Amino acid sequence: MADLAQRDSGPTVEDVDGTPRRIDPAATAQLLGCSPAQVGYCPRCQGLSRRYGPGVEVICRACRAAEASSADGAAR
């Protein structure tokens, strides 16, 4: 039951001690250099990304980096 309530409260990440904490879309927008209205979920990992508006990044930076590193490994 608590797990369902956790999922309904928005995206979370785990602290070092394993305690989940909520990700703030406004803080994410500030880090990404966009407005909170432009923040959305990455379709691959469900992390937050600049999903809407100018400079859109539908796939988050972490997923793109993982994709690039796997492509580099395949090219070798």
N, C-alpha and C. Protein backbone atom coordinates (compact mmCIF):
# COMPACT_ATOMS: atom_id res chain seq x y z
N MET A 1 0.82 -1.19 0.00
CA MET A 1 0.00 0.00 0.00
C MET A 1 0.87 1.26 0.00
N ALA A 2 1.89 1.29 0.83
CA ALA A 2 2.78 2.45 0.88
C ALA A 2 3.51 2.62 -0.45
N ASP A 3 3.83 1.48 -1.11
CA ASP A 3 4.52 1.53 -2.40
C ASP A 3 3.66 2.22 -3.44
N LEU A 4 2.37 1.95 -3.45
CA LEU A 4 1.45 2.59 -4.40
C LEU A 4 1.38 4.09 -4.13
N ALA A 5 1.31 4.49 -2.87
CA ALA A 5 1.28 5.91 -2.53
C ALA A 5 2.57 6.59 -2.97
N GLN A 6 3.69 5.89 -2.85
CA GLN A 6 4.98 6.44 -3.27
C GLN A 6 4.96 6.72 -4.77
N ARG A 7 4.46 5.80 -5.58
CA ARG A 7 4.42 5.98 -7.02
C ARG A 7 3.49 7.10 -7.43
N ASP A 8 2.42 7.30 -6.71
CA ASP A 8 1.46 8.33 -7.07
C ASP A 8 1.94 9.74 -6.73
N SER A 9 2.98 9.86 -5.92
CA SER A 9 3.45 11.18 -5.50
C SER A 9 4.45 11.79 -6.48
N GLY A 10 4.72 11.15 -7.59
CA GLY A 10 5.65 11.68 -8.57
C GLY A 10 6.93 10.87 -8.59
N PRO A 11 7.87 11.24 -9.46
CA PRO A 11 9.09 10.47 -9.59
C PRO A 11 9.95 10.59 -8.34
N THR A 12 10.69 9.53 -8.04
CA THR A 12 11.56 9.53 -6.87
C THR A 12 12.94 9.00 -7.25
N VAL A 13 13.91 9.30 -6.45
CA VAL A 13 15.24 8.70 -6.52
C VAL A 13 15.58 8.25 -5.12
N GLU A 14 16.56 7.36 -5.00
CA GLU A 14 16.95 6.89 -3.68
C GLU A 14 18.18 7.65 -3.21
N ASP A 15 18.14 8.09 -1.94
CA ASP A 15 19.30 8.69 -1.31
C ASP A 15 20.36 7.61 -1.09
N VAL A 16 21.52 8.01 -0.64
CA VAL A 16 22.60 7.08 -0.38
C VAL A 16 22.17 5.98 0.58
N ASP A 17 21.34 6.32 1.56
CA ASP A 17 20.90 5.32 2.53
C ASP A 17 19.71 4.50 2.04
N GLY A 18 19.29 4.69 0.79
CA GLY A 18 18.19 3.92 0.22
C GLY A 18 16.82 4.52 0.44
N THR A 19 16.74 5.66 1.11
CA THR A 19 15.47 6.31 1.36
C THR A 19 15.01 7.04 0.10
N PRO A 20 13.82 6.73 -0.42
CA PRO A 20 13.35 7.42 -1.62
C PRO A 20 13.02 8.89 -1.32
N ARG A 21 13.30 9.76 -2.26
CA ARG A 21 12.91 11.16 -2.13
C ARG A 21 12.34 11.62 -3.47
N ARG A 22 11.46 12.58 -3.41
CA ARG A 22 10.75 13.07 -4.58
C ARG A 22 11.66 13.97 -5.43
N ILE A 23 11.59 13.83 -6.74
CA ILE A 23 12.31 14.70 -7.65
C ILE A 23 11.41 15.88 -7.96
N ASP A 24 11.93 17.08 -7.80
CA ASP A 24 11.17 18.29 -8.02
C ASP A 24 11.31 18.74 -9.48
N PRO A 25 10.21 18.73 -10.26
CA PRO A 25 10.29 19.16 -11.66
C PRO A 25 10.80 20.59 -11.82
N ALA A 26 10.50 21.49 -10.87
CA ALA A 26 10.98 22.87 -10.97
C ALA A 26 12.50 22.91 -10.84
N ALA A 27 13.06 22.13 -9.94
CA ALA A 27 14.51 22.07 -9.79
C ALA A 27 15.15 21.43 -11.02
N THR A 28 14.50 20.41 -11.56
CA THR A 28 14.99 19.77 -12.78
C THR A 28 14.99 20.77 -13.92
N ALA A 29 13.94 21.55 -14.04
CA ALA A 29 13.86 22.56 -15.10
C ALA A 29 15.00 23.55 -14.97
N GLN A 30 15.31 23.95 -13.76
CA GLN A 30 16.40 24.88 -13.55
C GLN A 30 17.73 24.26 -13.99
N LEU A 31 17.95 23.00 -13.66
CA LEU A 31 19.18 22.31 -14.07
C LEU A 31 19.27 22.16 -15.59
N LEU A 32 18.11 21.94 -16.23
CA LEU A 32 18.08 21.76 -17.69
C LEU A 32 18.03 23.08 -18.45
N GLY A 33 17.82 24.18 -17.73
CA GLY A 33 17.75 25.49 -18.38
C GLY A 33 16.47 25.71 -19.16
N CYS A 34 15.35 25.22 -18.62
CA CYS A 34 14.07 25.39 -19.29
C CYS A 34 13.00 25.70 -18.25
N SER A 35 11.76 25.87 -18.69
CA SER A 35 10.67 26.11 -17.75
C SER A 35 10.10 24.77 -17.27
N PRO A 36 9.47 24.74 -16.09
CA PRO A 36 8.87 23.50 -15.60
C PRO A 36 7.85 22.90 -16.57
N ALA A 37 7.20 23.74 -17.38
CA ALA A 37 6.21 23.23 -18.35
C ALA A 37 6.87 22.41 -19.45
N GLN A 38 8.18 22.56 -19.63
CA GLN A 38 8.89 21.82 -20.67
C GLN A 38 9.44 20.49 -20.18
N VAL A 39 9.35 20.22 -18.89
CA VAL A 39 9.89 19.00 -18.31
C VAL A 39 8.89 17.86 -18.46
N GLY A 40 9.38 16.70 -18.87
CA GLY A 40 8.55 15.51 -19.00
C GLY A 40 9.39 14.27 -18.76
N TYR A 41 8.79 13.11 -18.91
CA TYR A 41 9.47 11.85 -18.62
C TYR A 41 10.16 11.28 -19.85
N CYS A 42 11.38 10.78 -19.66
CA CYS A 42 12.10 10.05 -20.71
C CYS A 42 11.35 8.75 -20.95
N PRO A 43 11.05 8.41 -22.21
CA PRO A 43 10.31 7.18 -22.47
C PRO A 43 11.10 5.91 -22.18
N ARG A 44 12.40 6.00 -22.05
CA ARG A 44 13.22 4.81 -21.78
C ARG A 44 13.36 4.51 -20.30
N CYS A 45 13.71 5.53 -19.50
CA CYS A 45 14.00 5.28 -18.09
C CYS A 45 13.02 5.94 -17.12
N GLN A 46 12.11 6.74 -17.64
CA GLN A 46 11.14 7.48 -16.85
C GLN A 46 11.79 8.59 -16.01
N GLY A 47 13.04 8.92 -16.29
CA GLY A 47 13.69 10.07 -15.65
C GLY A 47 13.14 11.34 -16.26
N LEU A 48 13.45 12.48 -15.66
CA LEU A 48 12.96 13.75 -16.18
C LEU A 48 13.90 14.29 -17.24
N SER A 49 13.33 14.89 -18.27
CA SER A 49 14.07 15.41 -19.40
C SER A 49 13.38 16.65 -19.93
N ARG A 50 14.07 17.41 -20.77
CA ARG A 50 13.45 18.56 -21.45
C ARG A 50 12.64 17.98 -22.60
N ARG A 51 11.37 17.75 -22.34
CA ARG A 51 10.53 16.97 -23.23
C ARG A 51 9.72 17.81 -24.22
N TYR A 52 9.46 19.06 -23.91
CA TYR A 52 8.58 19.89 -24.73
C TYR A 52 9.22 21.24 -25.00
N GLY A 53 8.83 21.87 -26.12
CA GLY A 53 9.29 23.22 -26.44
C GLY A 53 10.60 23.24 -27.20
N PRO A 54 11.20 24.43 -27.33
CA PRO A 54 12.44 24.56 -28.09
C PRO A 54 13.59 23.83 -27.38
N GLY A 55 14.48 23.25 -28.15
CA GLY A 55 15.61 22.52 -27.59
C GLY A 55 15.22 21.20 -26.97
N VAL A 56 14.16 20.60 -27.48
CA VAL A 56 13.61 19.37 -26.92
C VAL A 56 14.65 18.24 -26.90
N GLU A 57 14.66 17.49 -25.80
CA GLU A 57 15.50 16.30 -25.63
C GLU A 57 14.58 15.19 -25.13
N VAL A 58 13.88 14.53 -26.03
CA VAL A 58 12.91 13.51 -25.63
C VAL A 58 13.59 12.41 -24.82
N ILE A 59 14.74 11.94 -25.28
CA ILE A 59 15.51 10.94 -24.55
C ILE A 59 16.45 11.69 -23.62
N CYS A 60 16.47 11.33 -22.34
CA CYS A 60 17.28 12.06 -21.36
C CYS A 60 18.77 11.92 -21.64
N ARG A 61 19.54 12.79 -21.04
CA ARG A 61 20.99 12.81 -21.27
C ARG A 61 21.65 11.51 -20.85
N ALA A 62 21.21 10.91 -19.77
CA ALA A 62 21.80 9.65 -19.29
C ALA A 62 21.56 8.53 -20.29
N CYS A 63 20.36 8.43 -20.84
CA CYS A 63 20.05 7.39 -21.82
C CYS A 63 20.82 7.61 -23.12
N ARG A 64 20.95 8.89 -23.53
CA ARG A 64 21.72 9.18 -24.75
C ARG A 64 23.19 8.85 -24.55
N ALA A 65 23.73 9.12 -23.36
CA ALA A 65 25.13 8.80 -23.09
C ALA A 65 25.35 7.29 -23.08
N ALA A 66 24.41 6.55 -22.50
CA ALA A 66 24.51 5.09 -22.48
C ALA A 66 24.43 4.54 -23.90
N GLU A 67 23.56 5.12 -24.71
CA GLU A 67 23.42 4.69 -26.10
C GLU A 67 24.70 4.97 -26.89
N ALA A 68 25.28 6.14 -26.67
CA ALA A 68 26.52 6.51 -27.36
C ALA A 68 27.67 5.61 -26.96
N SER A 69 27.77 5.28 -25.66
CA SER A 69 28.86 4.42 -25.22
C SER A 69 28.69 2.99 -25.73
N SER A 70 27.47 2.51 -25.84
CA SER A 70 27.26 1.17 -26.38
C SER A 70 27.52 1.15 -27.88
N ALA A 71 27.23 2.25 -28.57
CA ALA A 71 27.53 2.34 -30.00
C ALA A 71 29.03 2.41 -30.22
N ASP A 72 29.76 3.11 -29.34
CA ASP A 72 31.21 3.18 -29.44
C ASP A 72 31.83 1.81 -29.24
N GLY A 73 31.29 1.05 -28.30
CA GLY A 73 31.80 -0.31 -28.04
C GLY A 73 31.53 -1.22 -29.21
N ALA A 74 30.41 -1.07 -29.89
CA ALA A 74 30.06 -1.92 -31.02
C ALA A 74 30.91 -1.58 -32.24
N ALA A 75 31.35 -0.33 -32.35
CA ALA A 75 32.13 0.11 -33.51
C ALA A 75 33.58 -0.36 -33.43
N ARG A 76 34.03 -0.75 -32.24
CA ARG A 76 35.43 -1.15 -32.07
C ARG A 76 35.69 -2.53 -32.52
